[in-house]
Amino acid sequence: DEAGGDTREDCLNKMIAKSAFVQLPSPRIHSTLEHTEQAVPTHWYDGSPISGDNAPSLHTDWDWPQGCCPYYRTSFKKR
C-alpha cells in the first residue's frame, strides 16, 4: 500500500503476521481484542515455543484457535 507508506515487503509481513496465531498467556485477561496488544506470547497456537527454530504452518481456518490471537495483535506487532 504505497499510499499508506507500506512497501510490498511490509504488506507481505503484515499478511503473514495476521495468519500466524499465538497462544495468549492469560486468556482471561486477554479475552477481547482490545487487550491483546499488551500480550507477550511465548508459544505458537500449536503449543511450540516461539523461540524455537520451526514455526507451525499458518492458521488459515475461518475461526481462531481457542485462547489464541494473531501475532499481529500482540505486543510483538511493533518488532
N, C-alpha and C. Protein backbone atom coordinates (compact mmCIF):
# COMPACT_ATOMS: atom_id res chain seq x y z
N ASP A 1 0.85 -1.18 0.00
CA ASP A 1 0.00 0.00 0.00
C ASP A 1 0.89 1.23 0.00
N GLU A 2 1.29 1.62 -1.15
CA GLU A 2 2.18 2.77 -1.28
C GLU A 2 1.54 4.04 -0.74
N ALA A 3 0.23 4.17 -0.88
CA ALA A 3 -0.46 5.35 -0.38
C ALA A 3 -0.36 5.44 1.14
N GLY A 4 -0.33 4.29 1.81
CA GLY A 4 -0.23 4.25 3.26
C GLY A 4 1.20 4.25 3.76
N GLY A 5 2.16 4.23 2.85
CA GLY A 5 3.55 4.27 3.24
C GLY A 5 4.18 2.90 3.45
N ASP A 6 3.46 1.82 3.14
CA ASP A 6 4.00 0.47 3.30
C ASP A 6 4.62 -0.01 2.00
N THR A 7 5.76 -0.67 2.11
CA THR A 7 6.38 -1.29 0.95
C THR A 7 5.70 -2.62 0.68
N ARG A 8 6.03 -3.26 -0.42
CA ARG A 8 5.48 -4.59 -0.70
C ARG A 8 5.90 -5.57 0.38
N GLU A 9 7.14 -5.45 0.81
CA GLU A 9 7.63 -6.34 1.87
C GLU A 9 6.85 -6.12 3.17
N ASP A 10 6.57 -4.87 3.51
CA ASP A 10 5.76 -4.56 4.70
C ASP A 10 4.39 -5.24 4.60
N CYS A 11 3.77 -5.14 3.44
CA CYS A 11 2.44 -5.74 3.23
C CYS A 11 2.48 -7.26 3.38
N LEU A 12 3.49 -7.89 2.81
CA LEU A 12 3.63 -9.35 2.94
C LEU A 12 3.85 -9.75 4.40
N ASN A 13 4.69 -9.00 5.10
CA ASN A 13 4.94 -9.30 6.51
C ASN A 13 3.66 -9.15 7.34
N LYS A 14 2.86 -8.16 7.04
CA LYS A 14 1.59 -7.97 7.76
C LYS A 14 0.63 -9.12 7.49
N MET A 15 0.56 -9.57 6.24
CA MET A 15 -0.33 -10.68 5.90
C MET A 15 0.08 -11.94 6.66
N ILE A 16 1.36 -12.19 6.73
CA ILE A 16 1.85 -13.38 7.45
C ILE A 16 1.57 -13.24 8.94
N ALA A 17 1.85 -12.06 9.50
CA ALA A 17 1.64 -11.84 10.94
C ALA A 17 0.16 -11.94 11.32
N LYS A 18 -0.73 -11.69 10.40
CA LYS A 18 -2.17 -11.80 10.69
C LYS A 18 -2.67 -13.24 10.59
N SER A 19 -1.87 -14.14 10.02
CA SER A 19 -2.24 -15.55 9.92
C SER A 19 -1.38 -16.44 10.81
N ALA A 20 -0.42 -15.85 11.50
CA ALA A 20 0.44 -16.59 12.44
C ALA A 20 -0.17 -16.42 13.83
N PHE A 21 -0.85 -17.45 14.31
CA PHE A 21 -1.55 -17.36 15.59
C PHE A 21 -0.66 -17.79 16.74
N VAL A 22 -0.83 -17.10 17.87
CA VAL A 22 -0.08 -17.41 19.09
C VAL A 22 -1.05 -17.63 20.24
N GLN A 23 -0.60 -18.40 21.21
CA GLN A 23 -1.41 -18.62 22.40
C GLN A 23 -1.33 -17.38 23.27
N LEU A 24 -2.46 -16.98 23.81
CA LEU A 24 -2.46 -15.85 24.75
C LEU A 24 -2.01 -16.36 26.11
N PRO A 25 -1.06 -15.67 26.74
CA PRO A 25 -0.54 -16.14 28.03
C PRO A 25 -1.60 -16.18 29.12
N SER A 26 -2.56 -15.28 29.09
CA SER A 26 -3.64 -15.25 30.08
C SER A 26 -4.95 -15.02 29.34
N PRO A 27 -5.57 -16.08 28.81
CA PRO A 27 -6.78 -15.88 28.02
C PRO A 27 -7.88 -15.11 28.73
N ARG A 28 -7.96 -15.23 30.04
CA ARG A 28 -9.00 -14.48 30.78
C ARG A 28 -8.74 -12.98 30.71
N ILE A 29 -7.49 -12.59 30.87
CA ILE A 29 -7.15 -11.16 30.82
C ILE A 29 -7.27 -10.63 29.39
N HIS A 30 -6.84 -11.44 28.45
CA HIS A 30 -6.83 -11.01 27.04
C HIS A 30 -8.02 -11.59 26.30
N SER A 31 -9.18 -11.55 26.91
CA SER A 31 -10.36 -12.19 26.32
C SER A 31 -10.99 -11.39 25.19
N THR A 32 -10.63 -10.13 25.07
CA THR A 32 -11.17 -9.33 23.99
C THR A 32 -10.02 -8.77 23.17
N LEU A 33 -10.32 -8.39 21.95
CA LEU A 33 -9.27 -7.87 21.07
C LEU A 33 -8.67 -6.57 21.59
N GLU A 34 -9.37 -5.88 22.44
CA GLU A 34 -8.87 -4.61 22.96
C GLU A 34 -7.66 -4.79 23.85
N HIS A 35 -7.49 -5.96 24.43
CA HIS A 35 -6.41 -6.16 25.38
C HIS A 35 -5.26 -7.00 24.86
N THR A 36 -5.33 -7.49 23.65
CA THR A 36 -4.27 -8.38 23.16
C THR A 36 -2.99 -7.63 22.80
N GLU A 37 -3.08 -6.32 22.58
CA GLU A 37 -1.87 -5.58 22.19
C GLU A 37 -0.83 -5.53 23.30
N GLN A 38 -1.21 -5.89 24.50
CA GLN A 38 -0.25 -5.93 25.62
C GLN A 38 0.27 -7.34 25.88
N ALA A 39 -0.31 -8.32 25.21
CA ALA A 39 0.09 -9.72 25.42
C ALA A 39 1.51 -9.96 24.92
N VAL A 40 2.26 -10.74 25.66
CA VAL A 40 3.61 -11.14 25.27
C VAL A 40 3.60 -12.67 25.15
N PRO A 41 3.25 -13.18 23.98
CA PRO A 41 3.13 -14.62 23.81
C PRO A 41 4.48 -15.32 23.81
N THR A 42 4.48 -16.56 24.24
CA THR A 42 5.71 -17.37 24.23
C THR A 42 5.56 -18.62 23.39
N HIS A 43 4.31 -18.92 22.96
CA HIS A 43 4.08 -20.14 22.19
C HIS A 43 3.17 -19.87 20.99
N TRP A 44 3.42 -20.61 19.91
CA TRP A 44 2.54 -20.58 18.75
C TRP A 44 1.24 -21.28 19.10
N TYR A 45 0.26 -21.18 18.24
CA TYR A 45 -1.07 -21.75 18.51
C TYR A 45 -1.04 -23.26 18.74
N ASP A 46 -0.03 -23.95 18.20
CA ASP A 46 0.04 -25.40 18.36
C ASP A 46 0.81 -25.82 19.61
N GLY A 47 1.28 -24.84 20.39
CA GLY A 47 1.99 -25.13 21.63
C GLY A 47 3.51 -25.12 21.51
N SER A 48 4.04 -25.02 20.30
CA SER A 48 5.50 -24.98 20.14
C SER A 48 6.02 -23.59 20.53
N PRO A 49 7.23 -23.54 21.12
CA PRO A 49 7.76 -22.24 21.58
C PRO A 49 8.10 -21.30 20.42
N ILE A 50 7.83 -20.04 20.61
CA ILE A 50 8.16 -19.04 19.60
C ILE A 50 9.67 -18.95 19.42
N SER A 51 10.41 -19.19 20.48
CA SER A 51 11.86 -19.09 20.41
C SER A 51 12.50 -20.26 19.68
N GLY A 52 11.72 -21.26 19.30
CA GLY A 52 12.25 -22.42 18.59
C GLY A 52 12.62 -22.10 17.15
N ASP A 53 13.22 -23.07 16.50
CA ASP A 53 13.67 -22.88 15.12
C ASP A 53 12.55 -23.01 14.10
N ASN A 54 11.52 -23.77 14.44
CA ASN A 54 10.46 -24.05 13.47
C ASN A 54 9.11 -23.51 13.93
N ALA A 55 8.52 -22.71 13.10
CA ALA A 55 7.17 -22.21 13.38
C ALA A 55 6.18 -23.15 12.70
N PRO A 56 4.99 -23.31 13.26
CA PRO A 56 3.99 -24.16 12.61
C PRO A 56 3.46 -23.49 11.34
N SER A 57 2.71 -24.23 10.58
CA SER A 57 2.10 -23.65 9.38
C SER A 57 1.13 -22.55 9.79
N LEU A 58 0.87 -21.64 8.87
CA LEU A 58 -0.05 -20.56 9.16
C LEU A 58 -1.45 -21.11 9.36
N HIS A 59 -2.19 -20.46 10.22
CA HIS A 59 -3.56 -20.89 10.52
C HIS A 59 -4.49 -20.22 9.51
N THR A 60 -5.13 -21.02 8.67
CA THR A 60 -5.95 -20.45 7.62
C THR A 60 -7.44 -20.74 7.79
N ASP A 61 -7.82 -21.39 8.88
CA ASP A 61 -9.24 -21.63 9.13
C ASP A 61 -9.94 -20.30 9.42
N TRP A 62 -11.23 -20.28 9.21
CA TRP A 62 -12.01 -19.08 9.45
C TRP A 62 -12.05 -18.71 10.93
N ASP A 63 -12.26 -19.72 11.80
CA ASP A 63 -12.34 -19.48 13.24
C ASP A 63 -10.95 -19.50 13.87
N TRP A 64 -10.76 -18.60 14.81
CA TRP A 64 -9.48 -18.55 15.52
C TRP A 64 -9.38 -19.72 16.48
N PRO A 65 -8.16 -20.24 16.70
CA PRO A 65 -7.98 -21.29 17.70
C PRO A 65 -8.33 -20.74 19.08
N GLN A 66 -8.91 -21.57 19.92
CA GLN A 66 -9.30 -21.14 21.26
C GLN A 66 -8.09 -20.68 22.07
N GLY A 67 -8.23 -19.54 22.76
CA GLY A 67 -7.16 -19.00 23.59
C GLY A 67 -6.00 -18.41 22.80
N CYS A 68 -6.25 -18.10 21.53
CA CYS A 68 -5.18 -17.59 20.66
C CYS A 68 -5.63 -16.32 19.95
N CYS A 69 -4.65 -15.63 19.40
CA CYS A 69 -4.94 -14.47 18.55
C CYS A 69 -3.81 -14.34 17.55
N PRO A 70 -3.99 -13.54 16.50
CA PRO A 70 -2.91 -13.34 15.54
C PRO A 70 -1.70 -12.65 16.18
N TYR A 71 -0.52 -13.05 15.77
CA TYR A 71 0.74 -12.43 16.20
C TYR A 71 0.66 -10.91 16.04
N TYR A 72 0.02 -10.48 14.97
CA TYR A 72 -0.10 -9.06 14.63
C TYR A 72 -0.84 -8.26 15.69
N ARG A 73 -1.67 -8.90 16.50
CA ARG A 73 -2.45 -8.21 17.52
C ARG A 73 -1.79 -8.22 18.89
N THR A 74 -0.56 -8.67 18.98
CA THR A 74 0.13 -8.73 20.27
C THR A 74 1.17 -7.61 20.37
N SER A 75 1.88 -7.59 21.49
CA SER A 75 2.92 -6.57 21.66
C SER A 75 4.06 -6.74 20.66
N PHE A 76 4.15 -7.91 20.01
CA PHE A 76 5.21 -8.15 19.04
C PHE A 76 4.96 -7.46 17.71
N LYS A 77 3.78 -6.86 17.53
CA LYS A 77 3.45 -6.18 16.29
C LYS A 77 4.52 -5.14 15.94
N LYS A 78 5.05 -4.49 16.93
CA LYS A 78 6.00 -3.39 16.70
C LYS A 78 7.41 -3.87 16.41
N ARG A 79 7.65 -5.15 16.49
CA ARG A 79 9.01 -5.67 16.26
C ARG A 79 9.41 -5.62 14.83
